[in-house]
């Protein structure tokens, strides 16, 4: 008798042998849970039960996809972020837990105002803007991205998670944005060209458009800082996520443009994650 546990351990060993994941057992468990349409807790309580051959074959196909480097989130077509379950696929970057710091900072800035108009720039899956809107329903949120594919995913997530449509704007950063905002929040591309040539990164199949930002990784950050100032209301807030080793330079760029009250916020691991600046 072949049990769920037997097949699960086979999946774990396959991922372990290829060193494809830092968490081979967890990946194997999550994929089996998804394949059997069963909560992880229920699966763990029933691992000694036999598994149907058709289920074992279906699970094996998911492990094969993971062996090829495809992230678990793309295989499952979903990723939890800020307590919400977002649809994701290869058209958008997979939301990272560290980005929740960006959401928290935006929510805090919104709560200090009677009304708040937010622009989520480089929105991707929409996880930042939608999380803000879900927490503060009276906030006006606009989602913007250069990618029509990303905006399609973000719109789908808005309808699924908010039961409404949010305004979306196709724009190369702020080029096509009209009007002004109280808060501009953005997790832009910030990897260098060299970093984007890394084979491990390429194997993840995340869109290059959402990652690459020139030779030094600052192409997008520079443009945003220079153009966001005039798109912010007076006393408006700009929040930018970046790499932990980029934020001191990002802070200096903000100072040079005339932003004030500039602070660097850390993520849960204690790494620099977000720069916050204010227009005079």
C-alpha atoms as a PDB file:
ATOM      1  CA  UNK A   1       0.000   0.000   0.000  1.00  0.00           C
ATOM      2  CA  UNK A   2       1.414   3.372  -1.050  1.00  0.00           C
ATOM      3  CA  UNK A   3       0.480   6.128   1.363  1.00  0.00           C
ATOM      4  CA  UNK A   4       0.305   9.891   1.076  1.00  0.00           C
ATOM      5  CA  UNK A   5       3.376   9.994   3.303  1.00  0.00           C
ATOM      6  CA  UNK A   6       5.324   7.787   0.861  1.00  0.00           C
ATOM      7  CA  UNK A   7       4.569  10.066  -2.077  1.00  0.00           C
ATOM      8  CA  UNK A   8       5.173  13.199  -0.033  1.00  0.00           C
ATOM      9  CA  UNK A   9       8.644  12.015   0.961  1.00  0.00           C
ATOM     10  CA  UNK A  10       9.393  11.143  -2.660  1.00  0.00           C
ATOM     11  CA  UNK A  11       8.521  14.705  -3.600  1.00  0.00           C
ATOM     12  CA  UNK A  12      10.700  16.084  -0.820  1.00  0.00           C
ATOM     13  CA  UNK A  13      13.674  13.950  -1.902  1.00  0.00           C
ATOM     14  CA  UNK A  14      13.329  15.055  -5.534  1.00  0.00           C
ATOM     15  CA  UNK A  15      13.477  18.719  -4.532  1.00  0.00           C
ATOM     16  CA  UNK A  16      16.255  18.072  -2.044  1.00  0.00           C
ATOM     17  CA  UNK A  17      18.456  16.271  -4.549  1.00  0.00           C
ATOM     18  CA  UNK A  18      18.296  19.160  -7.005  1.00  0.00           C
ATOM     19  CA  UNK A  19      18.756  21.758  -4.250  1.00  0.00           C
ATOM     20  CA  UNK A  20      15.930  23.618  -5.934  1.00  0.00           C
ATOM     21  CA  UNK A  21      14.463  24.896  -2.674  1.00  0.00           C
ATOM     22  CA  UNK A  22      15.612  25.928   0.773  1.00  0.00           C
ATOM     23  CA  UNK A  23      12.433  24.331   2.153  1.00  0.00           C
ATOM     24  CA  UNK A  24      11.948  21.079   0.213  1.00  0.00           C
ATOM     25  CA  UNK A  25       9.620  19.444   2.744  1.00  0.00           C
ATOM     26  CA  UNK A  26       7.404  22.503   3.072  1.00  0.00           C
ATOM     27  CA  UNK A  27       7.232  22.938  -0.706  1.00  0.00           C
ATOM     28  CA  UNK A  28       6.354  19.263  -1.151  1.00  0.00           C
ATOM     29  CA  UNK A  29       3.705  19.461   1.576  1.00  0.00           C
ATOM     30  CA  UNK A  30       2.109  22.646   0.226  1.00  0.00           C
ATOM     31  CA  UNK A  31       1.967  21.216  -3.288  1.00  0.00           C
ATOM     32  CA  UNK A  32       0.365  17.980  -2.070  1.00  0.00           C
ATOM     33  CA  UNK A  33      -2.165  19.987  -0.077  1.00  0.00           C
ATOM     34  CA  UNK A  34      -2.960  21.951  -3.238  1.00  0.00           C
ATOM     35  CA  UNK A  35      -3.059  18.853  -5.432  1.00  0.00           C
ATOM     36  CA  UNK A  36      -5.471  17.013  -3.103  1.00  0.00           C
ATOM     37  CA  UNK A  37      -7.479  20.193  -2.423  1.00  0.00           C
ATOM     38  CA  UNK A  38      -6.975  19.636   1.295  1.00  0.00           C
ATOM     39  CA  UNK A  39      -5.850  21.917   4.110  1.00  0.00           C
ATOM     40  CA  UNK A  40      -2.313  21.212   5.317  1.00  0.00           C
ATOM     41  CA  UNK A  41      -3.549  20.401   8.822  1.00  0.00           C
ATOM     42  CA  UNK A  42      -5.967  17.770   7.511  1.00  0.00           C
ATOM     43  CA  UNK A  43      -3.319  16.352   5.205  1.00  0.00           C
ATOM     44  CA  UNK A  44      -0.805  16.018   8.041  1.00  0.00           C
ATOM     45  CA  UNK A  45      -3.397  14.140  10.085  1.00  0.00           C
ATOM     46  CA  UNK A  46      -4.032  11.686   7.250  1.00  0.00           C
ATOM     47  CA  UNK A  47      -0.567  10.980   5.839  1.00  0.00           C
ATOM     48  CA  UNK A  48      -0.809   7.234   6.521  1.00  0.00           C
ATOM     49  CA  UNK A  49      -3.882   6.866   4.345  1.00  0.00           C
ATOM     50  CA  UNK A  50      -3.424   5.306   0.895  1.00  0.00           C
ATOM     51  CA  UNK A  51      -3.214   7.578  -2.116  1.00  0.00           C
ATOM     52  CA  UNK A  52      -4.974   6.922  -5.428  1.00  0.00           C
ATOM     53  CA  UNK A  53      -2.634   6.446  -8.387  1.00  0.00           C
ATOM     54  CA  UNK A  54      -4.276   9.298 -10.300  1.00  0.00           C
ATOM     55  CA  UNK A  55      -3.630  11.620  -7.346  1.00  0.00           C
ATOM     56  CA  UNK A  56      -0.024  10.495  -7.073  1.00  0.00           C
ATOM     57  CA  UNK A  57       0.495  11.190 -10.792  1.00  0.00           C
ATOM     58  CA  UNK A  58      -1.090  14.640 -10.564  1.00  0.00           C
ATOM     59  CA  UNK A  59       1.099  15.476  -7.577  1.00  0.00           C
ATOM     60  CA  UNK A  60       4.201  14.248  -9.388  1.00  0.00           C
ATOM     61  CA  UNK A  61       3.505  16.711 -12.209  1.00  0.00           C
ATOM     62  CA  UNK A  62       3.483  19.581  -9.719  1.00  0.00           C
ATOM     63  CA  UNK A  63       6.791  18.425  -8.249  1.00  0.00           C
ATOM     64  CA  UNK A  64       8.220  18.354 -11.784  1.00  0.00           C
ATOM     65  CA  UNK A  65       7.220  21.979 -12.275  1.00  0.00           C
ATOM     66  CA  UNK A  66       8.926  22.870  -8.995  1.00  0.00           C
ATOM     67  CA  UNK A  67      12.038  20.916 -10.056  1.00  0.00           C
ATOM     68  CA  UNK A  68      12.200  23.152 -13.121  1.00  0.00           C
ATOM     69  CA  UNK A  69      12.429  26.172 -10.840  1.00  0.00           C
ATOM     70  CA  UNK A  70       8.849  27.395 -11.049  1.00  0.00           C
ATOM     71  CA  UNK A  71       7.916  29.009  -7.709  1.00  0.00           C
ATOM     72  CA  UNK A  72       5.217  27.361  -5.609  1.00  0.00           C
ATOM     73  CA  UNK A  73       3.052  30.501  -5.877  1.00  0.00           C
ATOM     74  CA  UNK A  74       2.986  30.271  -9.683  1.00  0.00           C
ATOM     75  CA  UNK A  75       2.158  26.576  -9.563  1.00  0.00           C
ATOM     76  CA  UNK A  76      -0.727  27.183  -7.158  1.00  0.00           C
ATOM     77  CA  UNK A  77      -1.716  30.498  -8.791  1.00  0.00           C
ATOM     78  CA  UNK A  78      -2.011  32.202  -5.417  1.00  0.00           C
ATOM     79  CA  UNK A  79       0.028  33.917  -2.709  1.00  0.00           C
ATOM     80  CA  UNK A  80      -0.998  35.181   0.710  1.00  0.00           C
ATOM     81  CA  UNK A  81      -0.099  38.784   1.463  1.00  0.00           C
ATOM     82  CA  UNK A  82      -1.258  41.011   4.320  1.00  0.00           C
ATOM     83  CA  UNK A  83      -3.865  38.417   5.296  1.00  0.00           C
ATOM     84  CA  UNK A  84      -5.367  38.277   1.793  1.00  0.00           C
ATOM     85  CA  UNK A  85      -5.005  35.605  -0.886  1.00  0.00           C
ATOM     86  CA  UNK A  86      -3.902  37.124  -4.192  1.00  0.00           C
ATOM     87  CA  UNK A  87      -4.060  35.499  -7.597  1.00  0.00           C
ATOM     88  CA  UNK A  88      -0.587  35.450  -9.185  1.00  0.00           C
ATOM     89  CA  UNK A  89       0.923  34.083 -12.367  1.00  0.00           C
ATOM     90  CA  UNK A  90       3.970  34.746 -14.551  1.00  0.00           C
ATOM     91  CA  UNK A  91       2.635  38.159 -15.533  1.00  0.00           C
ATOM     92  CA  UNK A  92       3.419  39.626 -12.101  1.00  0.00           C
ATOM     93  CA  UNK A  93       6.032  39.546  -9.372  1.00  0.00           C
ATOM     94  CA  UNK A  94       5.187  37.266  -6.447  1.00  0.00           C
ATOM     95  CA  UNK A  95       4.341  39.392  -3.358  1.00  0.00           C
ATOM     96  CA  UNK A  96       6.985  39.195  -0.618  1.00  0.00           C
ATOM     97  CA  UNK A  97       6.280  39.409   3.115  1.00  0.00           C
ATOM     98  CA  UNK A  98       8.873  42.206   3.441  1.00  0.00           C
ATOM     99  CA  UNK A  99       6.647  44.445   1.314  1.00  0.00           C
ATOM    100  CA  UNK A 100       4.040  44.452   4.082  1.00  0.00           C
ATOM    101  CA  UNK A 101       6.220  47.146   5.701  1.00  0.00           C
ATOM    102  CA  UNK A 102       5.379  49.356   2.726  1.00  0.00           C
ATOM    103  CA  UNK A 103       1.660  48.737   3.263  1.00  0.00           C
ATOM    104  CA  UNK A 104       1.879  49.485   6.984  1.00  0.00           C
ATOM    105  CA  UNK A 105       3.681  52.770   6.324  1.00  0.00           C
ATOM    106  CA  UNK A 106       1.063  53.840   3.785  1.00  0.00           C
ATOM    107  CA  UNK A 107      -1.814  52.941   6.120  1.00  0.00           C
ATOM    108  CA  UNK A 108      -0.214  54.931   8.939  1.00  0.00           C
ATOM    109  CA  UNK A 109       0.176  57.951   6.644  1.00  0.00           C
ATOM    110  CA  UNK A 110      -3.439  57.639   5.465  1.00  0.00           C
ATOM    111  CA  UNK A 111      -4.830  57.484   8.984  1.00  0.00           C
ATOM    112  CA  UNK A 112      -3.337  60.882   9.800  1.00  0.00           C
ATOM    113  CA  UNK A 113      -5.551  62.523   7.156  1.00  0.00           C
ATOM    114  CA  UNK A 114      -9.284  63.162   6.943  1.00  0.00           C
ATOM    115  CA  UNK A 115      -9.323  61.990   3.322  1.00  0.00           C
ATOM    116  CA  UNK A 116      -6.590  60.190   1.449  1.00  0.00           C
ATOM    117  CA  UNK A 117      -5.858  59.645  -2.225  1.00  0.00           C
ATOM    118  CA  UNK A 118      -3.243  56.961  -2.884  1.00  0.00           C
ATOM    119  CA  UNK A 119      -1.328  56.000  -6.020  1.00  0.00           C
ATOM    120  CA  UNK A 120       0.151  52.488  -6.049  1.00  0.00           C
ATOM    121  CA  UNK A 121       2.897  52.873  -8.659  1.00  0.00           C
ATOM    122  CA  UNK A 122       4.368  49.733 -10.294  1.00  0.00           C
ATOM    123  CA  UNK A 123       1.419  47.872  -8.782  1.00  0.00           C
ATOM    124  CA  UNK A 124       2.044  44.419 -10.263  1.00  0.00           C
ATOM    125  CA  UNK A 125      -0.476  42.063  -8.651  1.00  0.00           C
ATOM    126  CA  UNK A 126      -2.056  45.043  -6.875  1.00  0.00           C
ATOM    127  CA  UNK A 127      -1.101  43.639  -3.478  1.00  0.00           C
ATOM    128  CA  UNK A 128      -0.022  46.964  -1.965  1.00  0.00           C
ATOM    129  CA  UNK A 129      -2.873  49.177  -3.129  1.00  0.00           C
ATOM    130  CA  UNK A 130      -5.545  46.539  -2.586  1.00  0.00           C
ATOM    131  CA  UNK A 131      -4.280  45.809   0.943  1.00  0.00           C
ATOM    132  CA  UNK A 132      -4.477  49.524   1.739  1.00  0.00           C
ATOM    133  CA  UNK A 133      -8.003  49.773   0.349  1.00  0.00           C
ATOM    134  CA  UNK A 134      -9.088  46.611   2.179  1.00  0.00           C
ATOM    135  CA  UNK A 135      -7.859  48.059   5.485  1.00  0.00           C
ATOM    136  CA  UNK A 136      -9.128  51.598   4.856  1.00  0.00           C
ATOM    137  CA  UNK A 137     -12.223  51.299   2.612  1.00  0.00           C
ATOM    138  CA  UNK A 138     -12.774  55.090   2.430  1.00  0.00           C
ATOM    139  CA  UNK A 139      -9.343  55.630   0.884  1.00  0.00           C
ATOM    140  CA  UNK A 140      -9.238  56.364  -2.861  1.00  0.00           C
ATOM    141  CA  UNK A 141      -6.687  54.063  -4.490  1.00  0.00           C
ATOM    142  CA  UNK A 142      -5.365  54.130  -8.064  1.00  0.00           C
ATOM    143  CA  UNK A 143      -3.288  51.255  -9.428  1.00  0.00           C
ATOM    144  CA  UNK A 144      -0.674  51.982 -12.103  1.00  0.00           C
ATOM    145  CA  UNK A 145       1.788  49.880 -14.074  1.00  0.00           C
ATOM    146  CA  UNK A 146       3.553  49.948 -17.424  1.00  0.00           C
ATOM    147  CA  UNK A 147       2.377  46.371 -18.065  1.00  0.00           C
ATOM    148  CA  UNK A 148      -1.167  45.782 -19.321  1.00  0.00           C
ATOM    149  CA  UNK A 149      -0.793  42.156 -18.233  1.00  0.00           C
ATOM    150  CA  UNK A 150      -0.006  43.246 -14.675  1.00  0.00           C
ATOM    151  CA  UNK A 151      -2.985  45.609 -14.626  1.00  0.00           C
ATOM    152  CA  UNK A 152      -5.236  42.744 -15.734  1.00  0.00           C
ATOM    153  CA  UNK A 153      -4.054  40.675 -12.756  1.00  0.00           C
ATOM    154  CA  UNK A 154      -4.403  43.622 -10.381  1.00  0.00           C
ATOM    155  CA  UNK A 155      -7.957  44.295 -11.613  1.00  0.00           C
ATOM    156  CA  UNK A 156      -8.868  40.644 -11.101  1.00  0.00           C
ATOM    157  CA  UNK A 157      -7.539  40.773  -7.542  1.00  0.00           C
ATOM    158  CA  UNK A 158      -9.439  43.988  -6.808  1.00  0.00           C
ATOM    159  CA  UNK A 159     -12.707  42.408  -7.914  1.00  0.00           C
ATOM    160  CA  UNK A 160     -12.026  39.178  -6.014  1.00  0.00           C
ATOM    161  CA  UNK A 161     -10.848  40.777  -2.772  1.00  0.00           C
ATOM    162  CA  UNK A 162     -12.698  44.091  -2.657  1.00  0.00           C
ATOM    163  CA  UNK A 163     -15.818  43.269  -4.670  1.00  0.00           C
ATOM    164  CA  UNK A 164     -15.224  46.430  -6.662  1.00  0.00           C
ATOM    165  CA  UNK A 165     -13.072  47.852  -9.429  1.00  0.00           C
ATOM    166  CA  UNK A 166     -10.218  50.234  -8.681  1.00  0.00           C
ATOM    167  CA  UNK A 167      -9.043  52.829 -11.166  1.00  0.00           C
ATOM    168  CA  UNK A 168      -6.108  51.507 -13.189  1.00  0.00           C
ATOM    169  CA  UNK A 169      -3.722  53.541 -15.348  1.00  0.00           C
ATOM    170  CA  UNK A 170      -1.215  52.176 -17.846  1.00  0.00           C
ATOM    171  CA  UNK A 171       1.804  54.385 -17.397  1.00  0.00           C
ATOM    172  CA  UNK A 172       5.581  54.325 -17.659  1.00  0.00           C
ATOM    173  CA  UNK A 173       6.081  55.356 -14.046  1.00  0.00           C
ATOM    174  CA  UNK A 174       4.406  58.774 -13.690  1.00  0.00           C
ATOM    175  CA  UNK A 175       4.407  59.766 -17.372  1.00  0.00           C
ATOM    176  CA  UNK A 176       0.663  59.203 -17.921  1.00  0.00           C
ATOM    177  CA  UNK A 177      -0.537  59.958 -14.384  1.00  0.00           C
ATOM    178  CA  UNK A 178      -2.923  62.883 -14.089  1.00  0.00           C
ATOM    179  CA  UNK A 179      -3.812  64.834 -10.960  1.00  0.00           C
ATOM    180  CA  UNK A 180      -2.138  64.784  -7.563  1.00  0.00           C
ATOM    181  CA  UNK A 181      -2.084  62.350  -4.649  1.00  0.00           C
ATOM    182  CA  UNK A 182      -1.671  62.485  -0.900  1.00  0.00           C
ATOM    183  CA  UNK A 183       0.480  59.353  -0.937  1.00  0.00           C
ATOM    184  CA  UNK A 184       2.503  57.671  -3.662  1.00  0.00           C
ATOM    185  CA  UNK A 185       3.556  54.186  -2.664  1.00  0.00           C
ATOM    186  CA  UNK A 186       5.792  52.071  -4.863  1.00  0.00           C
ATOM    187  CA  UNK A 187       7.775  48.849  -4.988  1.00  0.00           C
ATOM    188  CA  UNK A 188       9.586  49.513  -8.266  1.00  0.00           C
ATOM    189  CA  UNK A 189      12.137  47.389 -10.104  1.00  0.00           C
ATOM    190  CA  UNK A 190      15.462  47.792  -8.315  1.00  0.00           C
ATOM    191  CA  UNK A 191      17.767  44.960  -9.385  1.00  0.00           C
ATOM    192  CA  UNK A 192      20.898  45.609 -11.445  1.00  0.00           C
ATOM    193  CA  UNK A 193      21.357  44.210 -14.927  1.00  0.00           C
ATOM    194  CA  UNK A 194      24.002  41.864 -13.519  1.00  0.00           C
ATOM    195  CA  UNK A 195      21.643  40.565 -10.823  1.00  0.00           C
ATOM    196  CA  UNK A 196      18.986  39.888 -13.460  1.00  0.00           C
ATOM    197  CA  UNK A 197      21.414  37.694 -15.399  1.00  0.00           C
ATOM    198  CA  UNK A 198      21.590  35.283 -12.466  1.00  0.00           C
ATOM    199  CA  UNK A 199      20.418  31.840 -13.630  1.00  0.00           C
ATOM    200  CA  UNK A 200      18.596  31.091 -10.379  1.00  0.00           C
ATOM    201  CA  UNK A 201      16.589  34.289 -10.713  1.00  0.00           C
ATOM    202  CA  UNK A 202      15.764  33.559 -14.358  1.00  0.00           C
ATOM    203  CA  UNK A 203      14.521  30.091 -13.409  1.00  0.00           C
ATOM    204  CA  UNK A 204      11.867  31.647 -11.178  1.00  0.00           C
ATOM    205  CA  UNK A 205      10.172  32.995 -14.326  1.00  0.00           C
ATOM    206  CA  UNK A 206       9.241  36.305 -12.724  1.00  0.00           C
ATOM    207  CA  UNK A 207       8.851  39.144 -15.246  1.00  0.00           C
ATOM    208  CA  UNK A 208      12.106  40.914 -16.042  1.00  0.00           C
ATOM    209  CA  UNK A 209      10.121  44.142 -16.438  1.00  0.00           C
ATOM    210  CA  UNK A 210       9.297  44.041 -12.723  1.00  0.00           C
ATOM    211  CA  UNK A 211      12.892  43.448 -11.621  1.00  0.00           C
ATOM    212  CA  UNK A 212      15.494  45.131 -13.837  1.00  0.00           C
ATOM    213  CA  UNK A 213      16.509  48.748 -13.256  1.00  0.00           C
ATOM    214  CA  UNK A 214      19.738  49.449 -15.097  1.00  0.00           C
ATOM    215  CA  UNK A 215      23.407  49.023 -14.351  1.00  0.00           C
ATOM    216  CA  UNK A 216      23.180  50.225 -10.755  1.00  0.00           C
ATOM    217  CA  UNK A 217      19.552  49.298  -9.989  1.00  0.00           C
ATOM    218  CA  UNK A 218      18.493  52.931  -9.569  1.00  0.00           C
ATOM    219  CA  UNK A 219      16.976  53.828 -12.955  1.00  0.00           C
ATOM    220  CA  UNK A 220      13.392  53.650 -11.677  1.00  0.00           C
ATOM    221  CA  UNK A 221      14.050  55.051  -8.203  1.00  0.00           C
ATOM    222  CA  UNK A 222      15.765  58.147  -9.656  1.00  0.00           C
ATOM    223  CA  UNK A 223      12.885  58.841 -12.046  1.00  0.00           C
ATOM    224  CA  UNK A 224      10.262  58.341  -9.363  1.00  0.00           C
ATOM    225  CA  UNK A 225      11.960  60.684  -6.905  1.00  0.00           C
ATOM    226  CA  UNK A 226      12.407  63.371  -9.567  1.00  0.00           C
ATOM    227  CA  UNK A 227       8.854  63.230 -10.957  1.00  0.00           C
ATOM    228  CA  UNK A 228       6.778  62.314  -7.892  1.00  0.00           C
ATOM    229  CA  UNK A 229       7.405  65.646  -6.178  1.00  0.00           C
ATOM    230  CA  UNK A 230       5.071  67.532  -8.517  1.00  0.00           C
ATOM    231  CA  UNK A 231       2.494  64.696  -8.394  1.00  0.00           C
ATOM    232  CA  UNK A 232       2.189  64.912  -4.620  1.00  0.00           C
ATOM    233  CA  UNK A 233      -0.105  67.283  -2.769  1.00  0.00           C
ATOM    234  CA  UNK A 234       1.593  69.656  -0.341  1.00  0.00           C
ATOM    235  CA  UNK A 235       2.752  67.616   2.644  1.00  0.00           C
ATOM    236  CA  UNK A 236       2.213  64.531   0.501  1.00  0.00           C
ATOM    237  CA  UNK A 237       4.194  61.362   1.262  1.00  0.00           C
ATOM    238  CA  UNK A 238       6.386  59.277  -1.056  1.00  0.00           C
ATOM    239  CA  UNK A 239       7.110  55.705   0.076  1.00  0.00           C
ATOM    240  CA  UNK A 240       9.664  53.654  -1.872  1.00  0.00           C
ATOM    241  CA  UNK A 241      10.711  50.066  -1.268  1.00  0.00           C
ATOM    242  CA  UNK A 242      14.245  49.124  -2.276  1.00  0.00           C
ATOM    243  CA  UNK A 243      17.105  46.783  -1.577  1.00  0.00           C
ATOM    244  CA  UNK A 244      18.573  47.010   1.932  1.00  0.00           C
ATOM    245  CA  UNK A 245      21.851  48.355   0.503  1.00  0.00           C
ATOM    246  CA  UNK A 246      20.136  50.974  -1.684  1.00  0.00           C
ATOM    247  CA  UNK A 247      18.156  52.987   0.815  1.00  0.00           C
ATOM    248  CA  UNK A 248      20.880  55.303   2.108  1.00  0.00           C
ATOM    249  CA  UNK A 249      21.487  56.443  -1.460  1.00  0.00           C
ATOM    250  CA  UNK A 250      17.719  56.682  -2.017  1.00  0.00           C
ATOM    251  CA  UNK A 251      17.515  58.928   1.043  1.00  0.00           C
ATOM    252  CA  UNK A 252      20.283  61.150  -0.376  1.00  0.00           C
ATOM    253  CA  UNK A 253      18.445  61.409  -3.703  1.00  0.00           C
ATOM    254  CA  UNK A 254      15.308  62.495  -1.841  1.00  0.00           C
ATOM    255  CA  UNK A 255      17.236  65.140   0.078  1.00  0.00           C
ATOM    256  CA  UNK A 256      18.669  66.450  -3.179  1.00  0.00           C
ATOM    257  CA  UNK A 257      15.188  66.821  -4.646  1.00  0.00           C
ATOM    258  CA  UNK A 258      13.879  68.735  -1.640  1.00  0.00           C
ATOM    259  CA  UNK A 259      11.915  66.105   0.275  1.00  0.00           C
ATOM    260  CA  UNK A 260      11.825  66.536   4.052  1.00  0.00           C
ATOM    261  CA  UNK A 261      11.134  64.382   7.125  1.00  0.00           C
ATOM    262  CA  UNK A 262      12.950  61.504   5.459  1.00  0.00           C
ATOM    263  CA  UNK A 263      13.087  58.239   7.383  1.00  0.00           C
ATOM    264  CA  UNK A 264      14.194  54.691   6.605  1.00  0.00           C
ATOM    265  CA  UNK A 265      11.922  51.886   7.814  1.00  0.00           C
ATOM    266  CA  UNK A 266      13.129  48.366   8.565  1.00  0.00           C
ATOM    267  CA  UNK A 267      11.460  45.037   7.810  1.00  0.00           C
ATOM    268  CA  UNK A 268      10.842  42.267  10.354  1.00  0.00           C
ATOM    269  CA  UNK A 269      14.368  40.936   9.828  1.00  0.00           C
ATOM    270  CA  UNK A 270      15.800  44.325  10.768  1.00  0.00           C
ATOM    271  CA  UNK A 271      16.922  45.202   7.238  1.00  0.00           C
ATOM    272  CA  UNK A 272      16.373  48.600   5.638  1.00  0.00           C
ATOM    273  CA  UNK A 273      13.303  48.216   3.434  1.00  0.00           C
ATOM    274  CA  UNK A 274      11.369  51.462   2.819  1.00  0.00           C
ATOM    275  CA  UNK A 275      12.237  55.148   2.514  1.00  0.00           C
ATOM    276  CA  UNK A 276       9.599  57.689   3.491  1.00  0.00           C
ATOM    277  CA  UNK A 277       9.845  61.313   2.369  1.00  0.00           C
ATOM    278  CA  UNK A 278       7.497  64.294   2.408  1.00  0.00           C
ATOM    279  CA  UNK A 279       6.903  67.120  -0.026  1.00  0.00           C
ATOM    280  CA  UNK A 280       7.022  70.604   1.481  1.00  0.00           C
END
